[in-house]
Protein backbone atom coordinates (compact mmCIF):
# COMPACT_ATOMS: atom_id res chain seq x y z
CA MET A 1 7.68 -23.34 -6.96
CA THR A 2 5.34 -23.49 -9.94
CA ALA A 3 6.46 -23.45 -13.55
CA SER A 4 5.64 -19.77 -13.73
CA GLY A 5 7.71 -19.03 -10.63
CA LEU A 6 4.91 -17.58 -8.53
CA SER A 7 6.33 -18.81 -5.22
CA ALA A 8 2.86 -19.44 -3.83
CA LEU A 9 3.45 -22.87 -2.34
CA PRO A 10 1.86 -23.58 1.06
CA PRO A 11 4.11 -23.13 4.08
CA ARG A 12 5.81 -25.80 6.11
CA LYS A 13 5.70 -25.62 9.89
CA MET A 14 8.56 -23.82 11.58
CA THR A 15 11.43 -25.90 12.90
CA PRO A 16 11.77 -25.40 16.67
CA GLY A 17 14.73 -23.26 17.60
CA ILE A 18 15.04 -21.51 14.23
CA SER A 19 14.11 -17.84 14.24
CA SER A 20 11.26 -16.97 11.89
CA PHE A 21 12.75 -13.49 11.86
CA SER A 22 15.70 -14.76 9.85
CA CYS A 23 14.07 -16.88 7.20
CA GLN A 24 10.37 -17.56 7.80
CA ASP A 25 10.74 -21.10 6.48
CA ILE A 26 12.83 -20.39 3.40
CA SER A 27 14.74 -23.53 2.50
CA VAL A 28 17.14 -22.48 -0.25
CA SER A 29 20.75 -23.23 0.66
CA VAL A 30 21.90 -19.63 0.62
CA PHE A 31 19.29 -18.84 3.22
CA SER A 32 20.54 -21.72 5.37
CA ALA A 33 23.95 -20.13 5.24
CA ARG A 34 22.42 -16.86 6.36
CA LEU A 35 20.81 -18.65 9.28
CA ARG A 36 24.17 -19.98 10.36
CA GLN A 37 25.45 -16.40 10.26
CA ALA A 38 22.52 -15.32 12.43
CA ALA A 39 23.45 -17.97 14.98
CA ASN A 40 26.88 -16.37 15.17
CA GLY A 41 25.31 -13.01 15.91
CA ARG A 42 25.81 -11.59 12.47
CA ARG A 43 23.37 -9.19 10.83
CA CYS A 44 21.65 -11.06 8.01
CA TRP A 45 18.02 -9.99 7.79
CA SER A 46 18.47 -7.11 5.36
CA ARG A 47 19.97 -8.94 2.38
CA LEU A 48 18.39 -12.38 2.22
CA ILE A 49 17.10 -11.65 -1.26
CA ALA A 50 17.62 -8.57 -3.42
CA PRO A 51 14.19 -6.91 -3.70
CA SER A 52 14.84 -5.26 -7.04
CA ILE A 53 14.61 -8.35 -9.24
CA ARG A 54 13.31 -7.33 -12.64
CA GLY A 55 12.17 -9.41 -15.57
CA SER A 56 9.09 -11.09 -16.94
CA GLN A 57 7.83 -14.53 -16.04
CA GLY A 58 5.32 -16.85 -17.59
CA GLY A 59 5.48 -14.87 -20.83
CA SER A 60 4.03 -11.68 -19.33
CA PRO A 61 5.81 -8.37 -20.00
CA LEU A 62 5.00 -7.32 -16.46
CA GLN A 63 7.96 -7.08 -14.09
CA TYR A 64 8.21 -9.16 -10.92
CA ARG A 65 9.95 -8.26 -7.69
CA GLN A 66 10.85 -10.00 -4.47
CA LEU A 67 8.69 -8.75 -1.60
CA GLY A 68 10.99 -7.74 1.22
CA ASP A 69 13.10 -10.65 2.42
CA SER A 70 10.43 -13.25 1.71
CA ASP A 71 10.37 -15.79 -1.11
CA LEU A 72 7.27 -14.15 -2.61
CA ARG A 73 8.02 -12.91 -6.11
CA ILE A 74 5.09 -10.63 -6.90
CA SER A 75 3.95 -8.73 -9.97
CA GLU A 76 4.49 -4.98 -10.12
CA ILE A 77 0.70 -4.66 -10.04
CA THR A 78 -1.32 -5.94 -7.10
CA MET A 79 -5.02 -6.43 -7.76
CA GLY A 80 -7.05 -4.28 -5.39
CA THR A 81 -10.54 -5.49 -4.50
CA MET A 82 -12.19 -3.12 -2.04
CA THR A 83 -15.11 -2.33 -4.40
CA TYR A 84 -16.24 -5.96 -4.71
CA GLY A 85 -19.57 -6.35 -3.01
CA GLN A 86 -20.42 -2.65 -2.99
CA GLN A 87 -19.77 -1.19 -6.45
CA ASN A 88 -19.08 -4.49 -8.20
CA THR A 89 -21.21 -7.63 -8.42
CA GLU A 90 -19.74 -11.10 -8.00
CA LYS A 91 -19.80 -11.65 -11.76
CA GLU A 92 -17.97 -8.37 -12.37
CA ALA A 93 -15.43 -9.20 -9.68
CA HIS A 94 -14.68 -12.53 -11.35
CA GLU A 95 -14.25 -10.87 -14.74
CA LEU A 96 -11.85 -8.31 -13.33
CA LEU A 97 -9.79 -10.91 -11.47
CA SER A 98 -9.61 -13.24 -14.45
CA TYR A 99 -8.50 -10.48 -16.79
CA ALA A 100 -5.87 -9.30 -14.30
CA PHE A 101 -4.36 -12.76 -13.92
CA ASP A 102 -4.46 -13.34 -17.68
CA GLN A 103 -2.21 -10.27 -17.98
CA GLY A 104 0.32 -11.66 -15.54
CA ILE A 105 -0.80 -10.21 -12.21
CA ASN A 106 -0.25 -12.83 -9.53
CA ILE A 107 -1.25 -11.17 -6.24
CA ILE A 108 -4.62 -10.13 -4.80
CA ASP A 109 -5.07 -7.74 -1.88
CA THR A 110 -8.20 -7.87 0.24
CA SER A 111 -9.23 -7.23 3.86
CA GLU A 112 -11.73 -8.39 6.43
CA ALA A 113 -12.97 -4.78 6.34
CA TYR A 114 -13.96 -4.86 2.66
CA PRO A 115 -15.91 -3.67 0.79
CA ILE A 116 -15.36 0.01 1.46
CA PRO A 117 -17.10 2.02 2.84
CA MET A 118 -17.37 -0.38 5.77
CA LYS A 119 -20.91 -1.45 6.60
CA LYS A 120 -22.26 -4.30 8.68
CA GLU A 121 -24.61 -5.46 5.93
CA THR A 122 -21.86 -5.77 3.29
CA HIS A 123 -19.01 -6.90 5.54
CA GLY A 124 -17.11 -9.88 4.12
CA ARG A 125 -18.59 -9.82 0.62
CA THR A 126 -15.27 -9.00 -1.01
CA ASP A 127 -13.67 -12.12 0.47
CA LEU A 128 -16.65 -14.26 -0.55
CA TYR A 129 -16.40 -13.07 -4.16
CA ILE A 130 -12.67 -13.78 -4.20
CA GLY A 131 -13.25 -17.15 -2.56
CA SER A 132 -15.74 -18.25 -5.21
CA TRP A 133 -13.32 -17.14 -7.94
CA MET A 134 -10.45 -19.01 -6.27
CA LYS A 135 -12.31 -22.29 -6.72
CA SER A 136 -11.61 -22.03 -10.45
CA ARG A 137 -7.87 -21.45 -9.94
CA SER A 138 -4.94 -23.51 -8.76
CA ARG A 139 -4.08 -22.19 -5.28
CA ASP A 140 -0.35 -22.15 -5.98
CA GLN A 141 -0.92 -19.69 -8.83
CA VAL A 142 -2.37 -17.01 -6.56
CA ILE A 143 -0.54 -14.97 -3.94
CA LEU A 144 -3.24 -13.96 -1.49
CA ALA A 145 -2.81 -10.94 0.79
CA THR A 146 -5.39 -9.88 3.35
CA LYS A 147 -5.58 -7.62 6.38
CA VAL A 148 -6.74 -7.73 9.98
CA CYS A 149 -8.40 -4.55 11.25
CA GLY A 150 -6.65 -2.25 13.68
CA TYR A 151 -8.11 -0.41 16.65
CA SER A 152 -11.75 0.61 16.12
CA LYS A 153 -14.70 1.53 18.30
CA GLN A 154 -17.10 1.50 15.34
CA ALA A 155 -16.53 -1.92 13.75
CA GLY A 156 -17.15 -4.30 16.62
CA TYR A 157 -19.70 -6.10 14.43
CA ILE A 158 -16.77 -7.77 12.65
CA ARG A 159 -16.10 -9.92 15.72
CA ASP A 160 -18.40 -12.37 17.48
CA ASN A 161 -18.03 -10.76 20.90
CA ALA A 162 -16.17 -7.47 20.83
CA GLU A 163 -17.13 -3.86 21.23
CA ILE A 164 -13.69 -2.55 20.32
CA LEU A 165 -11.36 -4.09 17.75
CA ARG A 166 -7.76 -4.57 18.88
CA VAL A 167 -4.71 -6.16 17.32
CA ASP A 168 -4.32 -8.81 20.02
CA ALA A 169 -4.12 -12.60 19.87
CA THR A 170 -7.88 -13.14 20.24
CA ASN A 171 -8.81 -10.68 17.50
CA ILE A 172 -6.07 -11.85 15.15
CA ARG A 173 -7.03 -15.53 15.49
CA GLU A 174 -10.72 -14.86 14.88
CA SER A 175 -9.92 -12.62 11.93
CA VAL A 176 -7.74 -15.24 10.25
CA GLU A 177 -10.15 -18.13 10.83
CA LYS A 178 -13.04 -16.21 9.31
CA SER A 179 -10.93 -14.92 6.42
CA LEU A 180 -9.76 -18.44 5.55
CA LYS A 181 -13.35 -19.65 5.46
CA ARG A 182 -14.61 -16.78 3.31
CA LEU A 183 -11.65 -17.02 0.93
CA SER A 184 -12.00 -20.79 0.51
CA THR A 185 -8.37 -21.45 1.33
CA ASP A 186 -6.36 -23.02 4.12
CA TYR A 187 -3.53 -20.48 4.22
CA ILE A 188 -2.84 -16.79 3.65
CA ASP A 189 0.36 -15.76 1.89
CA LEU A 190 0.56 -12.28 3.45
CA LEU A 191 -1.36 -11.14 6.53
CA GLN A 192 -1.18 -7.40 7.16
CA ILE A 193 -2.30 -5.16 10.01
CA HIS A 194 -4.72 -2.82 8.21
CA TRP A 195 -3.98 0.11 10.50
CA PRO A 196 -2.15 0.18 13.86
CA ASP A 197 -3.54 -0.70 17.25
CA ARG A 198 -1.96 2.45 18.67
CA TYR A 199 -2.94 5.99 17.71
CA VAL A 200 -1.33 7.29 14.51
CA PRO A 201 -2.52 10.03 12.15
CA LEU A 202 -4.68 8.30 9.54
CA PHE A 203 -6.65 8.93 6.37
CA GLY A 204 -6.07 12.63 5.82
CA GLU A 205 -4.74 13.54 9.26
CA PHE A 206 -1.19 14.63 8.47
CA THR A 207 0.52 15.48 11.76
CA TYR A 208 0.77 13.47 14.97
CA ASN A 209 -1.53 14.73 17.75
CA TYR A 210 0.48 14.45 20.97
CA ASN A 211 -2.68 14.38 23.10
CA LYS A 212 -4.18 11.35 21.28
CA TRP A 213 -1.58 8.87 22.51
CA ARG A 214 -3.22 5.78 24.01
CA GLN A 215 -2.09 2.51 25.51
CA SER A 216 -1.80 -0.14 22.82
CA VAL A 217 -1.14 -3.84 22.43
CA PRO A 218 2.64 -4.38 22.72
CA PHE A 219 4.46 -5.06 19.46
CA SER A 220 5.83 -8.31 20.86
CA GLU A 221 2.32 -9.56 21.69
CA GLN A 222 1.13 -8.84 18.16
CA LEU A 223 4.11 -10.65 16.66
CA SER A 224 3.68 -13.62 19.00
CA ALA A 225 0.10 -14.05 17.78
CA PHE A 226 1.31 -14.02 14.19
CA GLN A 227 4.03 -16.53 15.06
CA ASP A 228 1.40 -18.98 16.30
CA LEU A 229 -0.46 -18.74 12.99
CA ILE A 230 2.73 -19.16 10.99
CA THR A 231 3.65 -22.25 13.02
CA GLN A 232 0.18 -23.68 12.34
CA GLY A 233 0.68 -23.16 8.60
CA LYS A 234 -2.24 -20.73 8.28
CA VAL A 235 -0.12 -17.66 7.47
CA ARG A 236 3.15 -17.47 5.54
CA TYR A 237 4.31 -13.87 6.01
CA ILE A 238 3.21 -10.71 7.80
CA GLY A 239 3.18 -7.02 6.96
CA VAL A 240 1.78 -3.66 8.08
CA SER A 241 -0.35 -0.96 6.51
CA ASN A 242 -0.87 2.74 7.18
CA GLU A 243 2.20 2.51 9.36
CA THR A 244 4.87 4.99 10.45
CA SER A 245 8.65 4.78 10.79
CA PHE A 246 8.29 4.29 14.54
CA GLY A 247 5.99 1.32 13.98
CA VAL A 248 8.22 -0.32 11.39
CA LEU A 249 11.29 0.09 13.59
CA GLU A 250 9.53 -1.33 16.65
CA PHE A 251 8.19 -4.34 14.77
CA VAL A 252 11.58 -5.13 13.25
CA HIS A 253 13.43 -4.59 16.53
CA SER A 254 11.01 -6.78 18.50
CA ALA A 255 11.29 -9.52 15.89
CA LYS A 256 15.08 -9.41 16.01
CA VAL A 257 15.38 -9.43 19.78
CA LEU A 258 12.70 -12.05 20.47
CA GLY A 259 13.13 -14.30 17.44
CA LEU A 260 9.63 -13.55 16.15
CA PRO A 261 8.42 -13.12 12.54
CA LYS A 262 9.75 -10.05 10.74
CA ILE A 263 7.39 -7.87 8.71
CA ILE A 264 8.17 -8.06 4.99
CA SER A 265 5.88 -5.35 3.63
CA ILE A 266 4.21 -2.02 4.27
CA GLN A 267 1.02 -0.98 2.48
CA ASN A 268 0.78 2.81 2.55
CA SER A 269 -0.80 5.46 0.35
CA TYR A 270 1.58 6.81 -2.29
CA SER A 271 0.86 8.93 -5.35
CA LEU A 272 1.57 12.28 -6.99
CA LEU A 273 -0.85 13.76 -4.45
CA SER A 274 0.55 11.95 -1.42
CA ARG A 275 4.33 11.64 -1.25
CA CYS A 276 5.73 13.23 1.90
CA ARG A 277 4.52 10.71 4.45
CA PHE A 278 6.59 7.99 2.80
CA GLU A 279 9.45 9.89 1.21
CA VAL A 280 10.61 11.83 4.26
CA ASP A 281 11.87 8.87 6.29
CA LEU A 282 10.06 5.61 5.52
CA VAL A 283 12.08 5.30 2.31
CA GLU A 284 15.24 5.08 4.39
CA VAL A 285 13.78 2.75 7.02
CA CYS A 286 12.35 0.35 4.43
CA HIS A 287 15.35 0.50 2.06
CA HIS A 288 16.49 -2.98 1.01
CA ASN A 289 19.94 -2.27 2.45
CA ASN A 290 18.40 -1.36 5.80
CA TYR A 291 15.28 -3.26 6.96
CA ASN A 292 14.13 -4.46 3.54
CA VAL A 293 10.40 -3.85 3.90
CA GLY A 294 8.66 -3.75 0.52
CA LEU A 295 6.17 -0.98 -0.28
CA LEU A 296 2.77 -1.98 -1.66
CA ALA A 297 1.54 1.44 -2.78
CA TYR A 298 -2.20 1.91 -2.46
CA SER A 299 -4.21 4.70 -4.11
CA PRO A 300 -1.57 5.42 -6.81
CA LEU A 301 -4.34 7.37 -8.57
CA GLY A 302 -5.15 9.36 -5.43
CA GLY A 303 -8.55 7.80 -4.81
CA GLY A 304 -9.39 8.14 -8.51
CA ASN A 305 -8.58 11.85 -8.67
CA LEU A 306 -5.58 11.25 -10.92
CA SER A 307 -7.76 9.47 -13.46
CA GLY A 308 -9.00 12.98 -14.26
CA LYS A 309 -12.66 12.07 -13.92
CA TYR A 310 -13.31 14.63 -11.20
CA LEU A 311 -11.94 17.53 -13.22
CA ASP A 312 -15.38 17.77 -14.82
CA LEU A 313 -17.79 17.33 -11.92
CA ASP A 314 -20.76 17.19 -14.29
CA SER A 315 -19.39 14.24 -16.24
CA GLU A 316 -21.00 10.83 -15.92
CA ALA A 317 -17.70 9.37 -14.72
CA ALA A 318 -17.52 11.91 -11.89
CA LYS A 319 -21.13 11.30 -10.87
CA MET A 320 -20.48 7.56 -10.67
CA GLY A 321 -17.17 7.97 -8.83
CA ARG A 322 -16.74 7.01 -5.19
CA LEU A 323 -16.23 10.60 -4.03
CA ASN A 324 -19.78 11.40 -5.16
CA LEU A 325 -21.40 8.06 -4.38
CA PHE A 326 -20.24 8.09 -0.77
CA PRO A 327 -20.39 11.53 0.88
CA GLY A 328 -17.44 12.07 3.20
CA TYR A 329 -15.37 9.37 1.53
CA MET A 330 -11.76 10.55 1.01
CA GLU A 331 -12.91 14.07 1.82
CA ARG A 332 -9.30 15.22 1.88
CA TYR A 333 -9.19 15.01 -1.91
CA ARG A 334 -12.23 17.27 -2.25
CA ASN A 335 -11.75 20.00 0.35
CA SER A 336 -8.11 20.60 -0.45
CA LEU A 337 -5.81 21.74 -3.21
CA SER A 338 -5.88 18.28 -4.77
CA GLN A 339 -8.22 19.15 -7.63
CA GLU A 340 -6.23 22.27 -8.45
CA VAL A 341 -2.94 20.40 -8.48
CA THR A 342 -4.49 17.52 -10.45
CA LYS A 343 -5.21 20.07 -13.19
CA LEU A 344 -1.53 21.01 -13.21
CA TYR A 345 -0.52 17.37 -13.58
CA SER A 346 -3.12 16.94 -16.32
CA GLU A 347 -1.60 19.86 -18.22
CA LEU A 348 1.88 18.43 -17.66
CA ALA A 349 0.78 15.07 -19.07
CA LYS A 350 -0.68 16.69 -22.20
CA LYS A 351 2.51 18.68 -22.68
CA HIS A 352 4.49 15.45 -22.91
CA GLY A 353 1.96 13.46 -24.94
CA LEU A 354 0.77 11.34 -22.01
CA THR A 355 -2.59 10.73 -20.43
CA LEU A 356 -2.99 11.69 -16.78
CA VAL A 357 -3.29 8.00 -15.87
CA GLN A 358 -0.02 7.22 -17.67
CA LEU A 359 1.72 10.02 -15.81
CA ALA A 360 0.32 9.10 -12.38
CA LEU A 361 0.81 5.33 -12.57
CA GLY A 362 4.10 5.69 -14.44
CA PHE A 363 5.43 7.92 -11.67
CA VAL A 364 4.66 5.36 -8.94
CA ARG A 365 5.77 2.45 -11.16
CA ASP A 366 9.22 3.97 -11.65
CA ARG A 367 9.99 4.75 -8.00
CA PRO A 368 12.82 2.43 -6.92
CA PHE A 369 11.30 1.83 -3.48
CA VAL A 370 7.88 0.68 -4.76
CA THR A 371 7.57 -3.09 -4.96
CA SER A 372 4.04 -3.14 -6.37
CA SER A 373 1.22 -0.70 -7.13
CA ILE A 374 -2.23 -1.68 -5.89
CA ILE A 375 -4.66 -1.08 -8.73
CA GLY A 376 -8.41 -1.14 -8.19
CA ALA A 377 -11.01 -0.76 -10.93
CA THR A 378 -14.78 -0.97 -11.12
CA SER A 379 -14.87 -1.65 -14.86
CA LEU A 380 -12.88 -3.70 -17.33
CA ASP A 381 -12.08 -0.58 -19.36
CA GLN A 382 -10.55 1.09 -16.31
CA LEU A 383 -8.50 -1.99 -15.52
CA LYS A 384 -7.24 -2.31 -19.09
CA GLU A 385 -6.17 1.34 -19.12
CA ASP A 386 -4.32 0.95 -15.82
CA ILE A 387 -2.54 -2.27 -16.74
CA ASP A 388 -1.56 -0.87 -20.13
CA VAL A 389 0.64 1.71 -18.38
CA PHE A 390 2.80 -1.19 -17.17
CA LEU A 391 2.62 -3.19 -20.40
CA SER A 392 3.21 -0.62 -23.12
CA ALA A 393 3.73 2.94 -21.82
CA VAL A 394 7.22 4.43 -21.96
CA ARG A 395 9.44 3.13 -19.16
CA PRO A 396 10.87 4.93 -17.31
CA LEU A 397 9.18 8.28 -17.77
CA PRO A 398 11.49 10.67 -19.67
CA ILE A 399 13.76 12.87 -17.55
CA GLU A 400 11.91 15.97 -18.78
CA VAL A 401 8.66 14.59 -17.37
CA SER A 402 10.27 13.78 -14.03
CA ASP A 403 11.76 17.28 -13.81
CA ASP A 404 8.37 18.87 -14.45
CA VAL A 405 6.78 16.65 -11.80
CA GLU A 406 9.37 17.80 -9.27
CA ASN A 407 8.76 21.44 -10.16
CA ILE A 408 5.07 21.06 -9.27
CA PHE A 409 5.95 19.10 -6.15
CA LYS A 410 8.34 21.81 -4.93
CA ARG A 411 5.48 24.30 -5.01
CA TYR A 412 2.66 22.22 -3.59
CA LYS A 413 4.11 19.23 -1.71
CA ASP A 414 1.12 17.08 -0.65
CA PRO A 415 -1.92 19.13 -1.75
CA SER A 416 -4.49 16.99 0.05
CA ILE A 417 -3.45 18.45 3.43
CA PHE A 418 -3.87 22.08 2.37
CA HIS A 419 -7.20 23.87 2.14
CA PRO A 420 -8.18 25.84 -0.97
CA ASP A 421 -8.60 29.11 0.95
CA ASP A 422 -5.08 29.04 2.38
CA PRO A 423 -2.62 31.47 0.75
CA ARG A 424 -0.40 29.69 -1.76
CA PRO A 425 1.77 30.36 -4.81
CA THR A 426 0.02 31.36 -8.04
CA HIS A 427 0.30 29.08 -11.04
CA ALA A 428 2.43 31.70 -12.74
CA GLN A 429 5.09 31.56 -10.05
CA PRO A 430 8.13 29.73 -11.43
CA ALA A 431 9.50 26.84 -9.46
CA PRO A 432 12.84 27.55 -7.81
CA THR A 433 15.82 26.72 -9.96
CA PRO A 434 18.11 24.25 -8.19
CA SER A 435 21.71 25.21 -7.71
CA HIS A 436 24.50 22.90 -8.76
CA ARG A 437 24.37 21.46 -5.22
CA GLU A 438 20.64 20.70 -5.60
CA SER A 439 20.61 19.25 -9.11
CA ARG A 440 19.32 15.78 -9.97
CA THR A 441 22.85 14.49 -9.53
CA GLY A 442 23.49 16.48 -6.36
CA ALA A 443 22.83 15.79 -2.73
CA ARG A 444 19.41 17.33 -2.22
CA PRO A 445 16.76 14.59 -1.99
CA HIS A 446 13.32 14.93 -3.53
CA GLY A 447 10.49 15.43 -1.10
CA LEU A 448 11.89 17.86 1.45
CA LEU A 449 9.09 19.03 3.69
CA THR A 450 9.15 22.77 3.16
CA ASP A 451 5.93 24.73 2.96
CA PRO A 452 6.23 27.41 0.24
CA ARG A 453 3.08 29.23 1.33
CA PRO A 454 3.13 32.34 3.50
CA THR A 455 1.73 32.33 7.03
CA HIS A 456 -1.57 33.97 7.86
CA ALA A 457 -3.18 35.34 10.98
CA GLY A 458 0.15 34.98 12.74
CA LYS A 459 0.07 31.19 12.36
CA PRO A 460 1.75 28.75 9.99
CA ALA A 461 -0.26 28.05 6.86
CA ASP A 462 -0.70 24.42 7.83
CA ALA A 463 -2.04 25.22 11.30
CA ARG A 464 -5.57 24.39 10.18
CA PRO A 465 -6.10 20.79 11.35
CA PRO A 466 -6.98 18.36 8.55
CA THR A 467 -10.10 16.27 8.90
CA PRO A 468 -9.63 12.48 8.98
CA THR A 469 -11.95 10.61 6.63
CA PRO A 470 -13.05 6.98 6.83
CA ASP A 471 -11.78 5.81 3.45
CA ARG A 472 -10.02 2.70 4.71
CA GLU A 473 -10.93 2.71 8.41
CA PRO A 474 -14.34 2.58 10.13
């Protein structure tokens, strides 16, 4: 471990006969004791390390947390990079990365799919920009996370000889080899599946379509491919992204039964505009007392909506924003109630003397199940504003702010899945007053999936199917 405690040392090869599910090459004595318990059939995978470690390191006021049951101690901000090579030049990318690490951020998230939107002519540029920056840094001071693409019929150009991308051994190996070369490194700290090989509702599609089920690569086969890379020392840990409770449970169960690597993280969208998909049941599944899978929350600003720049569509910031630069990109935030509800959150922030960015990032920052917020920025000013929420803004948000957030949430739930022309409560309608059994100290959890809007045309108000958008998938 480095003097700053970044836990970014290269991996050792796995010892034959020891389950990577239990420790993934952790050598501290307490973990050895846990391994002995595992050999006796005891349940040990959920409490190897407490994930809620707080406290600064290396002189930074940022907080650092253990990622799942790994030995990766990551900053509460993860540096997002998906604009590098499309909206940002190599020089700008280096400036953003250097500033982020100077502030105490110690983890970078990238993907073989970046930059976004995915295009053959720009594919891989993000990694190349990161790789050239990495040459100026000590490798053990950077925790590097990347992603292998899931199932896709549109992005076959990523592989040498493939029409359809799959999460199988051949695709995973090629993905990792090419990523290592572009990133100028010989190992990856965290390799994630960008989106599943099987059908799941993605990128604005809210409910599961029963008729879209398809045969997929078995979970055990995916994990076996990752095991090979871990044994070779090319990958340290694995995680998932855009995943469901079913997927997390299957990956963890397969790892336990077969002695294969256990996932340590899940990278899903989470923000004031997108809460239900994670809060309804993934919070329980990933809880550190259950399967201990750390959440890396992407889009904490709702694709930039919660920066407030799209509230004035004629502003220069709005015109230069991704939603305008790339038609169809994150369409769910445009053709939905998102803008209307963003105005409500903006008014709430002003009421309490906060900026909208402070409210939005502070909300995600304070959630006990969030390990790290993935922050992306196309300018240094944006990045400074975002990081400042973690360095100097009030922590945690006052209880009055949290109560007002919940009042809006009770009325609108996840606004990006509802269309503006659907009947809904008026702004003047007061939020329901919780009874003593539903108070903040009572038993009712936040995030219950109840639709407050009336039905129309004899159908539920959410019967209109949402339109998936290619914001993080081809």
